Amino acid sequence: MPVRKFRSIAEMPARRLRPLDPDNLRIACELSELAYSLHPWRFPPGVRKFASVEEASAHRERWRLAQVRRSGGAGSEPSTTTESATTRRPGSTVVP
């Protein structure tokens, strides 16, 4: 897709969709449904407890990378980092 530069807003093409048009919501919902049908999110069942915000953030990032790997997208290399037993708290759930 080529990149086009404009010196002023007057040079830009007119909008394709009118702002505040009720039909825009329908279009957005259809695009969301298409995106989900192409790559649905997988949420493992259960509740996770975290001792800190950093631990929760790390878990979320691992989940996000697993979603990308599952789709075969960019960054689909398997992770080489492992969580040691000393960083886990007793009773916490570790999800690969």
PDB file of N, CA and C in Angstrom:
ATOM      1  N   MET A   1       0.844  -1.168   0.000  1.00  0.00           N
ATOM      2  CA  MET A   1       0.000   0.000   0.000  1.00  0.00           C
ATOM      3  C   MET A   1       0.893   1.236   0.000  1.00  0.00           C
ATOM      4  N   PRO A   2       0.725   2.109  -0.958  1.00  0.00           N
ATOM      5  CA  PRO A   2       1.574   3.293  -1.024  1.00  0.00           C
ATOM      6  C   PRO A   2       1.226   4.298   0.074  1.00  0.00           C
ATOM      7  N   VAL A   3       2.225   5.074   0.452  1.00  0.00           N
ATOM      8  CA  VAL A   3       2.043   6.132   1.440  1.00  0.00           C
ATOM      9  C   VAL A   3       1.929   7.446   0.690  1.00  0.00           C
ATOM     10  N   ARG A   4       0.896   8.223   1.034  1.00  0.00           N
ATOM     11  CA  ARG A   4       0.701   9.519   0.385  1.00  0.00           C
ATOM     12  C   ARG A   4       0.843  10.625   1.415  1.00  0.00           C
ATOM     13  N   LYS A   5       1.519  11.694   1.042  1.00  0.00           N
ATOM     14  CA  LYS A   5       1.687  12.846   1.921  1.00  0.00           C
ATOM     15  C   LYS A   5       0.824  13.994   1.415  1.00  0.00           C
ATOM     16  N   PHE A   6       0.318  14.764   2.354  1.00  0.00           N
ATOM     17  CA  PHE A   6      -0.490  15.927   2.016  1.00  0.00           C
ATOM     18  C   PHE A   6       0.115  17.147   2.691  1.00  0.00           C
ATOM     19  N   ARG A   7       0.171  18.248   1.974  1.00  0.00           N
ATOM     20  CA  ARG A   7       0.706  19.492   2.537  1.00  0.00           C
ATOM     21  C   ARG A   7      -0.329  20.196   3.407  1.00  0.00           C
ATOM     22  N   SER A   8      -1.597  19.965   3.144  1.00  0.00           N
ATOM     23  CA  SER A   8      -2.644  20.581   3.950  1.00  0.00           C
ATOM     24  C   SER A   8      -3.855  19.656   3.993  1.00  0.00           C
ATOM     25  N   ILE A   9      -4.762  19.952   4.895  1.00  0.00           N
ATOM     26  CA  ILE A   9      -5.976  19.142   5.023  1.00  0.00           C
ATOM     27  C   ILE A   9      -6.838  19.291   3.774  1.00  0.00           C
ATOM     28  N   ALA A  10      -6.765  20.419   3.116  1.00  0.00           N
ATOM     29  CA  ALA A  10      -7.562  20.649   1.908  1.00  0.00           C
ATOM     30  C   ALA A  10      -7.193  19.665   0.796  1.00  0.00           C
ATOM     31  N   GLU A  11      -5.964  19.192   0.778  1.00  0.00           N
ATOM     32  CA  GLU A  11      -5.528  18.242  -0.247  1.00  0.00           C
ATOM     33  C   GLU A  11      -6.007  16.820   0.022  1.00  0.00           C
ATOM     34  N   MET A  12      -6.414  16.547   1.250  1.00  0.00           N
ATOM     35  CA  MET A  12      -6.826  15.188   1.621  1.00  0.00           C
ATOM     36  C   MET A  12      -8.176  14.849   0.992  1.00  0.00           C
ATOM     37  N   PRO A  13      -8.393  13.563   0.646  1.00  0.00           N
ATOM     38  CA  PRO A  13      -9.690  13.182   0.096  1.00  0.00           C
ATOM     39  C   PRO A  13     -10.777  13.294   1.170  1.00  0.00           C
ATOM     40  N   ALA A  14     -12.005  13.395   0.718  1.00  0.00           N
ATOM     41  CA  ALA A  14     -13.138  13.504   1.646  1.00  0.00           C
ATOM     42  C   ALA A  14     -13.287  12.217   2.451  1.00  0.00           C
ATOM     43  N   ARG A  15     -13.903  12.328   3.618  1.00  0.00           N
ATOM     44  CA  ARG A  15     -14.142  11.138   4.443  1.00  0.00           C
ATOM     45  C   ARG A  15     -15.082  10.187   3.731  1.00  0.00           C
ATOM     46  N   ARG A  16     -14.847   8.915   3.957  1.00  0.00           N
ATOM     47  CA  ARG A  16     -15.730   7.908   3.367  1.00  0.00           C
ATOM     48  C   ARG A  16     -16.966   7.692   4.224  1.00  0.00           C
ATOM     49  N   LEU A  17     -16.823   7.848   5.544  1.00  0.00           N
ATOM     50  CA  LEU A  17     -17.937   7.657   6.464  1.00  0.00           C
ATOM     51  C   LEU A  17     -18.275   8.977   7.137  1.00  0.00           C
ATOM     52  N   ARG A  18     -19.544   9.255   7.241  1.00  0.00           N
ATOM     53  CA  ARG A  18     -19.960  10.469   7.937  1.00  0.00           C
ATOM     54  C   ARG A  18     -19.805  10.265   9.437  1.00  0.00           C
ATOM     55  N   PRO A  19     -19.310  11.268  10.173  1.00  0.00           N
ATOM     56  CA  PRO A  19     -19.208  11.119  11.628  1.00  0.00           C
ATOM     57  C   PRO A  19     -20.601  11.057  12.248  1.00  0.00           C
ATOM     58  N   LEU A  20     -20.695  10.276  13.324  1.00  0.00           N
ATOM     59  CA  LEU A  20     -21.942  10.099  14.084  1.00  0.00           C
ATOM     60  C   LEU A  20     -23.058   9.456  13.274  1.00  0.00           C
ATOM     61  N   ASP A  21     -22.700   8.786  12.198  1.00  0.00           N
ATOM     62  CA  ASP A  21     -23.687   8.048  11.416  1.00  0.00           C
ATOM     63  C   ASP A  21     -23.977   6.739  12.141  1.00  0.00           C
ATOM     64  N   PRO A  22     -25.245   6.405  12.421  1.00  0.00           N
ATOM     65  CA  PRO A  22     -25.549   5.150  13.135  1.00  0.00           C
ATOM     66  C   PRO A  22     -25.039   3.908  12.405  1.00  0.00           C
ATOM     67  N   ASP A  23     -24.861   4.004  11.106  1.00  0.00           N
ATOM     68  CA  ASP A  23     -24.374   2.857  10.344  1.00  0.00           C
ATOM     69  C   ASP A  23     -22.919   2.538  10.678  1.00  0.00           C
ATOM     70  N   ASN A  24     -22.171   3.515  11.202  1.00  0.00           N
ATOM     71  CA  ASN A  24     -20.769   3.284  11.571  1.00  0.00           C
ATOM     72  C   ASN A  24     -20.639   2.220  12.654  1.00  0.00           C
ATOM     73  N   LEU A  25     -21.575   2.190  13.596  1.00  0.00           N
ATOM     74  CA  LEU A  25     -21.538   1.177  14.657  1.00  0.00           C
ATOM     75  C   LEU A  25     -21.701  -0.219  14.065  1.00  0.00           C
ATOM     76  N   ARG A  26     -22.617  -0.361  13.118  1.00  0.00           N
ATOM     77  CA  ARG A  26     -22.821  -1.657  12.459  1.00  0.00           C
ATOM     78  C   ARG A  26     -21.539  -2.100  11.764  1.00  0.00           C
ATOM     79  N   ILE A  27     -20.880  -1.179  11.079  1.00  0.00           N
ATOM     80  CA  ILE A  27     -19.631  -1.494  10.374  1.00  0.00           C
ATOM     81  C   ILE A  27     -18.552  -1.918  11.370  1.00  0.00           C
ATOM     82  N   ALA A  28     -18.446  -1.195  12.481  1.00  0.00           N
ATOM     83  CA  ALA A  28     -17.441  -1.534  13.501  1.00  0.00           C
ATOM     84  C   ALA A  28     -17.720  -2.913  14.096  1.00  0.00           C
ATOM     85  N   CYS A  29     -18.972  -3.228  14.366  1.00  0.00           N
ATOM     86  CA  CYS A  29     -19.322  -4.548  14.920  1.00  0.00           C
ATOM     87  C   CYS A  29     -19.013  -5.659  13.926  1.00  0.00           C
ATOM     88  N   GLU A  30     -19.302  -5.429  12.654  1.00  0.00           N
ATOM     89  CA  GLU A  30     -18.993  -6.437  11.634  1.00  0.00           C
ATOM     90  C   GLU A  30     -17.493  -6.664  11.520  1.00  0.00           C
ATOM     91  N   LEU A  31     -16.707  -5.592  11.608  1.00  0.00           N
ATOM     92  CA  LEU A  31     -15.255  -5.754  11.558  1.00  0.00           C
ATOM     93  C   LEU A  31     -14.739  -6.511  12.780  1.00  0.00           C
ATOM     94  N   SER A  32     -15.326  -6.259  13.950  1.00  0.00           N
ATOM     95  CA  SER A  32     -14.929  -6.976  15.163  1.00  0.00           C
ATOM     96  C   SER A  32     -15.254  -8.452  15.034  1.00  0.00           C
ATOM     97  N   GLU A  33     -16.432  -8.770  14.514  1.00  0.00           N
ATOM     98  CA  GLU A  33     -16.813 -10.174  14.314  1.00  0.00           C
ATOM     99  C   GLU A  33     -15.874 -10.863  13.329  1.00  0.00           C
ATOM    100  N   LEU A  34     -15.507 -10.160  12.268  1.00  0.00           N
ATOM    101  CA  LEU A  34     -14.573 -10.726  11.286  1.00  0.00           C
ATOM    102  C   LEU A  34     -13.219 -11.002  11.936  1.00  0.00           C
ATOM    103  N   ALA A  35     -12.715 -10.038  12.701  1.00  0.00           N
ATOM    104  CA  ALA A  35     -11.418 -10.226  13.361  1.00  0.00           C
ATOM    105  C   ALA A  35     -11.469 -11.423  14.307  1.00  0.00           C
ATOM    106  N   TYR A  36     -12.542 -11.570  15.089  1.00  0.00           N
ATOM    107  CA  TYR A  36     -12.651 -12.687  16.023  1.00  0.00           C
ATOM    108  C   TYR A  36     -12.782 -14.011  15.266  1.00  0.00           C
ATOM    109  N   SER A  37     -13.514 -14.012  14.149  1.00  0.00           N
ATOM    110  CA  SER A  37     -13.665 -15.268  13.402  1.00  0.00           C
ATOM    111  C   SER A  37     -12.342 -15.696  12.772  1.00  0.00           C
ATOM    112  N   LEU A  38     -11.495 -14.725  12.412  1.00  0.00           N
ATOM    113  CA  LEU A  38     -10.194 -15.061  11.833  1.00  0.00           C
ATOM    114  C   LEU A  38      -9.209 -15.567  12.882  1.00  0.00           C
ATOM    115  N   HIS A  39      -9.311 -15.028  14.102  1.00  0.00           N
ATOM    116  CA  HIS A  39      -8.383 -15.431  15.161  1.00  0.00           C
ATOM    117  C   HIS A  39      -9.045 -15.254  16.529  1.00  0.00           C
ATOM    118  N   PRO A  40      -9.836 -16.240  16.965  1.00  0.00           N
ATOM    119  CA  PRO A  40     -10.498 -16.098  18.270  1.00  0.00           C
ATOM    120  C   PRO A  40      -9.497 -16.190  19.420  1.00  0.00           C
ATOM    121  N   TRP A  41      -9.772 -15.436  20.464  1.00  0.00           N
ATOM    122  CA  TRP A  41      -8.931 -15.487  21.648  1.00  0.00           C
ATOM    123  C   TRP A  41      -9.239 -16.744  22.425  1.00  0.00           C
ATOM    124  N   ARG A  42      -8.242 -17.312  23.039  1.00  0.00           N
ATOM    125  CA  ARG A  42      -8.411 -18.500  23.882  1.00  0.00           C
ATOM    126  C   ARG A  42      -8.083 -18.115  25.316  1.00  0.00           C
ATOM    127  N   PHE A  43      -9.053 -18.246  26.191  1.00  0.00           N
ATOM    128  CA  PHE A  43      -8.850 -17.959  27.601  1.00  0.00           C
ATOM    129  C   PHE A  43      -8.869 -19.280  28.369  1.00  0.00           C
ATOM    130  N   PRO A  44      -7.758 -19.661  29.008  1.00  0.00           N
ATOM    131  CA  PRO A  44      -7.768 -20.891  29.787  1.00  0.00           C
ATOM    132  C   PRO A  44      -8.720 -20.732  30.969  1.00  0.00           C
ATOM    133  N   PRO A  45      -9.443 -21.782  31.326  1.00  0.00           N
ATOM    134  CA  PRO A  45     -10.385 -21.677  32.439  1.00  0.00           C
ATOM    135  C   PRO A  45      -9.673 -21.505  33.773  1.00  0.00           C
ATOM    136  N   GLY A  46     -10.371 -20.933  34.718  1.00  0.00           N
ATOM    137  CA  GLY A  46      -9.831 -20.805  36.064  1.00  0.00           C
ATOM    138  C   GLY A  46      -9.514 -19.378  36.448  1.00  0.00           C
ATOM    139  N   VAL A  47      -9.195 -19.226  37.709  1.00  0.00           N
ATOM    140  CA  VAL A  47      -8.852 -17.932  38.275  1.00  0.00           C
ATOM    141  C   VAL A  47      -7.377 -17.946  38.624  1.00  0.00           C
ATOM    142  N   ARG A  48      -6.677 -16.881  38.320  1.00  0.00           N
ATOM    143  CA  ARG A  48      -5.258 -16.788  38.619  1.00  0.00           C
ATOM    144  C   ARG A  48      -5.058 -15.760  39.728  1.00  0.00           C
ATOM    145  N   LYS A  49      -4.212 -16.078  40.680  1.00  0.00           N
ATOM    146  CA  LYS A  49      -3.856 -15.143  41.745  1.00  0.00           C
ATOM    147  C   LYS A  49      -2.404 -14.749  41.554  1.00  0.00           C
ATOM    148  N   PHE A  50      -2.144 -13.480  41.745  1.00  0.00           N
ATOM    149  CA  PHE A  50      -0.790 -12.971  41.579  1.00  0.00           C
ATOM    150  C   PHE A  50      -0.396 -12.195  42.824  1.00  0.00           C
ATOM    151  N   ALA A  51       0.854 -12.314  43.196  1.00  0.00           N
ATOM    152  CA  ALA A  51       1.350 -11.637  44.390  1.00  0.00           C
ATOM    153  C   ALA A  51       1.674 -10.172  44.116  1.00  0.00           C
ATOM    154  N   SER A  52       1.863  -9.811  42.844  1.00  0.00           N
ATOM    155  CA  SER A  52       2.221  -8.435  42.541  1.00  0.00           C
ATOM    156  C   SER A  52       1.690  -8.072  41.154  1.00  0.00           C
ATOM    157  N   VAL A  53       1.681  -6.783  40.889  1.00  0.00           N
ATOM    158  CA  VAL A  53       1.271  -6.291  39.579  1.00  0.00           C
ATOM    159  C   VAL A  53       2.270  -6.748  38.524  1.00  0.00           C
ATOM    160  N   GLU A  54       3.548  -6.787  38.881  1.00  0.00           N
ATOM    161  CA  GLU A  54       4.579  -7.208  37.935  1.00  0.00           C
ATOM    162  C   GLU A  54       4.367  -8.664  37.514  1.00  0.00           C
ATOM    163  N   GLU A  55       4.012  -9.514  38.471  1.00  0.00           N
ATOM    164  CA  GLU A  55       3.758 -10.922  38.163  1.00  0.00           C
ATOM    165  C   GLU A  55       2.546 -11.055  37.244  1.00  0.00           C
ATOM    166  N   ALA A  56       1.499 -10.278  37.501  1.00  0.00           N
ATOM    167  CA  ALA A  56       0.310 -10.304  36.649  1.00  0.00           C
ATOM    168  C   ALA A  56       0.635  -9.788  35.252  1.00  0.00           C
ATOM    169  N   SER A  57       1.441  -8.742  35.178  1.00  0.00           N
ATOM    170  CA  SER A  57       1.828  -8.199  33.874  1.00  0.00           C
ATOM    171  C   SER A  57       2.657  -9.203  33.079  1.00  0.00           C
ATOM    172  N   ALA A  58       3.544  -9.906  33.757  1.00  0.00           N
ATOM    173  CA  ALA A  58       4.365 -10.922  33.089  1.00  0.00           C
ATOM    174  C   ALA A  58       3.480 -12.054  32.565  1.00  0.00           C
ATOM    175  N   HIS A  59       2.494 -12.453  33.348  1.00  0.00           N
ATOM    176  CA  HIS A  59       1.567 -13.508  32.914  1.00  0.00           C
ATOM    177  C   HIS A  59       0.779 -13.045  31.698  1.00  0.00           C
ATOM    178  N   ARG A  60       0.303 -11.805  31.727  1.00  0.00           N
ATOM    179  CA  ARG A  60      -0.456 -11.281  30.592  1.00  0.00           C
ATOM    180  C   ARG A  60       0.406 -11.242  29.338  1.00  0.00           C
ATOM    181  N   GLU A  61       1.651 -10.854  29.464  1.00  0.00           N
ATOM    182  CA  GLU A  61       2.548 -10.801  28.311  1.00  0.00           C
ATOM    183  C   GLU A  61       2.807 -12.202  27.758  1.00  0.00           C
ATOM    184  N   ARG A  62       2.992 -13.195  28.641  1.00  0.00           N
ATOM    185  CA  ARG A  62       3.164 -14.585  28.181  1.00  0.00           C
ATOM    186  C   ARG A  62       1.919 -15.061  27.439  1.00  0.00           C
ATOM    187  N   TRP A  63       0.729 -14.696  27.960  1.00  0.00           N
ATOM    188  CA  TRP A  63      -0.524 -15.084  27.306  1.00  0.00           C
ATOM    189  C   TRP A  63      -0.613 -14.431  25.923  1.00  0.00           C
ATOM    190  N   ARG A  64      -0.256 -13.138  25.847  1.00  0.00           N
ATOM    191  CA  ARG A  64      -0.311 -12.421  24.578  1.00  0.00           C
ATOM    192  C   ARG A  64       0.638 -13.050  23.552  1.00  0.00           C
ATOM    193  N   LEU A  65       1.850 -13.378  23.989  1.00  0.00           N
ATOM    194  CA  LEU A  65       2.809 -14.015  23.079  1.00  0.00           C
ATOM    195  C   LEU A  65       2.333 -15.392  22.644  1.00  0.00           C
ATOM    196  N   ALA A  66       1.673 -16.117  23.539  1.00  0.00           N
ATOM    197  CA  ALA A  66       1.133 -17.431  23.171  1.00  0.00           C
ATOM    198  C   ALA A  66       0.045 -17.284  22.110  1.00  0.00           C
ATOM    199  N   GLN A  67      -0.757 -16.218  22.190  1.00  0.00           N
ATOM    200  CA  GLN A  67      -1.778 -15.976  21.178  1.00  0.00           C
ATOM    201  C   GLN A  67      -1.132 -15.701  19.822  1.00  0.00           C
ATOM    202  N   VAL A  68      -0.062 -14.930  19.810  1.00  0.00           N
ATOM    203  CA  VAL A  68       0.630 -14.614  18.566  1.00  0.00           C
ATOM    204  C   VAL A  68       1.274 -15.870  18.000  1.00  0.00           C
ATOM    205  N   ARG A  69       1.916 -16.671  18.864  1.00  0.00           N
ATOM    206  CA  ARG A  69       2.558 -17.916  18.400  1.00  0.00           C
ATOM    207  C   ARG A  69       1.522 -18.860  17.822  1.00  0.00           C
ATOM    208  N   ARG A  70       0.343 -18.932  18.466  1.00  0.00           N
ATOM    209  CA  ARG A  70      -0.705 -19.841  18.001  1.00  0.00           C
ATOM    210  C   ARG A  70      -1.181 -19.457  16.612  1.00  0.00           C
ATOM    211  N   SER A  71      -1.185 -18.151  16.320  1.00  0.00           N
ATOM    212  CA  SER A  71      -1.653 -17.705  15.013  1.00  0.00           C
ATOM    213  C   SER A  71      -0.565 -17.800  13.957  1.00  0.00           C
ATOM    214  N   GLY A  72       0.699 -18.006  14.396  1.00  0.00           N
ATOM    215  CA  GLY A  72       1.799 -18.070  13.439  1.00  0.00           C
ATOM    216  C   GLY A  72       2.226 -16.710  12.958  1.00  0.00           C
ATOM    217  N   GLY A  73       1.880 -15.672  13.719  1.00  0.00           N
ATOM    218  CA  GLY A  73       2.210 -14.298  13.331  1.00  0.00           C
ATOM    219  C   GLY A  73       3.637 -13.944  13.677  1.00  0.00           C
ATOM    220  N   ALA A  74       3.912 -12.659  13.664  1.00  0.00           N
ATOM    221  CA  ALA A  74       5.252 -12.167  13.973  1.00  0.00           C
ATOM    222  C   ALA A  74       5.635 -12.556  15.387  1.00  0.00           C
ATOM    223  N   GLY A  75       6.876 -12.875  15.582  1.00  0.00           N
ATOM    224  CA  GLY A  75       7.342 -13.275  16.906  1.00  0.00           C
ATOM    225  C   GLY A  75       6.878 -14.666  17.286  1.00  0.00           C
ATOM    226  N   SER A  76       6.730 -15.549  16.304  1.00  0.00           N
ATOM    227  CA  SER A  76       6.198 -16.872  16.585  1.00  0.00           C
ATOM    228  C   SER A  76       7.255 -17.852  17.085  1.00  0.00           C
ATOM    229  N   GLU A  77       8.418 -17.368  17.403  1.00  0.00           N
ATOM    230  CA  GLU A  77       9.453 -18.233  17.960  1.00  0.00           C
ATOM    231  C   GLU A  77       9.065 -18.619  19.380  1.00  0.00           C
ATOM    232  N   PRO A  78       9.260 -19.871  19.779  1.00  0.00           N
ATOM    233  CA  PRO A  78       8.934 -20.243  21.148  1.00  0.00           C
ATOM    234  C   PRO A  78       9.821 -19.515  22.142  1.00  0.00           C
ATOM    235  N   SER A  79       9.252 -19.195  23.273  1.00  0.00           N
ATOM    236  CA  SER A  79       9.984 -18.462  24.300  1.00  0.00           C
ATOM    237  C   SER A  79      11.019 -19.373  24.943  1.00  0.00           C
ATOM    238  N   THR A  80      12.193 -18.824  25.225  1.00  0.00           N
ATOM    239  CA  THR A  80      13.243 -19.611  25.851  1.00  0.00           C
ATOM    240  C   THR A  80      13.337 -19.331  27.341  1.00  0.00           C
ATOM    241  N   THR A  81      12.534 -18.387  27.849  1.00  0.00           N
ATOM    242  CA  THR A  81      12.590 -18.069  29.266  1.00  0.00           C
ATOM    243  C   THR A  81      11.705 -19.034  30.041  1.00  0.00           C
ATOM    244  N   THR A  82      12.199 -19.439  31.201  1.00  0.00           N
ATOM    245  CA  THR A  82      11.414 -20.303  32.070  1.00  0.00           C
ATOM    246  C   THR A  82      11.319 -19.649  33.426  1.00  0.00           C
ATOM    247  N   GLU A  83      10.249 -19.928  34.110  1.00  0.00           N
ATOM    248  CA  GLU A  83      10.039 -19.357  35.430  1.00  0.00           C
ATOM    249  C   GLU A  83      10.586 -20.327  36.459  1.00  0.00           C
ATOM    250  N   SER A  84      11.487 -19.872  37.291  1.00  0.00           N
ATOM    251  CA  SER A  84      12.074 -20.760  38.281  1.00  0.00           C
ATOM    252  C   SER A  84      11.125 -20.948  39.453  1.00  0.00           C
ATOM    253  N   ALA A  85      11.314 -22.023  40.168  1.00  0.00           N
ATOM    254  CA  ALA A  85      10.450 -22.334  41.302  1.00  0.00           C
ATOM    255  C   ALA A  85      10.612 -21.316  42.425  1.00  0.00           C
ATOM    256  N   THR A  86      11.751 -20.620  42.476  1.00  0.00           N
ATOM    257  CA  THR A  86      11.963 -19.660  43.551  1.00  0.00           C
ATOM    258  C   THR A  86      11.163 -18.383  43.356  1.00  0.00           C
ATOM    259  N   THR A  87      10.752 -18.076  42.115  1.00  0.00           N
ATOM    260  CA  THR A  87       9.982 -16.855  41.883  1.00  0.00           C
ATOM    261  C   THR A  87       8.495 -17.076  42.087  1.00  0.00           C
ATOM    262  N   ARG A  88       8.052 -18.329  42.126  1.00  0.00           N
ATOM    263  CA  ARG A  88       6.633 -18.608  42.331  1.00  0.00           C
ATOM    264  C   ARG A  88       6.308 -18.629  43.805  1.00  0.00           C
ATOM    265  N   ARG A  89       5.128 -18.189  44.123  1.00  0.00           N
ATOM    266  CA  ARG A  89       4.648 -18.227  45.494  1.00  0.00           C
ATOM    267  C   ARG A  89       3.846 -19.515  45.691  1.00  0.00           C
ATOM    268  N   PRO A  90       3.878 -20.085  46.900  1.00  0.00           N
ATOM    269  CA  PRO A  90       3.084 -21.296  47.142  1.00  0.00           C
ATOM    270  C   PRO A  90       1.609 -21.026  46.896  1.00  0.00           C
ATOM    271  N   GLY A  91       0.965 -21.939  46.227  1.00  0.00           N
ATOM    272  CA  GLY A  91      -0.462 -21.818  45.958  1.00  0.00           C
ATOM    273  C   GLY A  91      -0.777 -21.029  44.703  1.00  0.00           C
ATOM    274  N   SER A  92       0.222 -20.441  44.047  1.00  0.00           N
ATOM    275  CA  SER A  92      -0.069 -19.700  42.813  1.00  0.00           C
ATOM    276  C   SER A  92      -0.107 -20.671  41.648  1.00  0.00           C
ATOM    277  N   THR A  93      -0.897 -20.328  40.661  1.00  0.00           N
ATOM    278  CA  THR A  93      -1.035 -21.157  39.483  1.00  0.00           C
ATOM    279  C   THR A  93      -0.089 -20.659  38.415  1.00  0.00           C
ATOM    280  N   VAL A  94       0.670 -21.549  37.835  1.00  0.00           N
ATOM    281  CA  VAL A  94       1.571 -21.190  36.756  1.00  0.00           C
ATOM    282  C   VAL A  94       0.990 -21.753  35.483  1.00  0.00           C
ATOM    283  N   VAL A  95       0.702 -20.853  34.548  1.00  0.00           N
ATOM    284  CA  VAL A  95       0.136 -21.265  33.266  1.00  0.00           C
ATOM    285  C   VAL A  95       1.209 -21.075  32.218  1.00  0.00           C
ATOM    286  N   PRO A  96       1.575 -22.152  31.490  1.00  0.00           N
ATOM    287  CA  PRO A  96       2.617 -22.012  30.478  1.00  0.00           C
ATOM    288  C   PRO A  96       2.194 -21.124  29.343  1.00  0.00           C
TER     289      PRO A  96
END
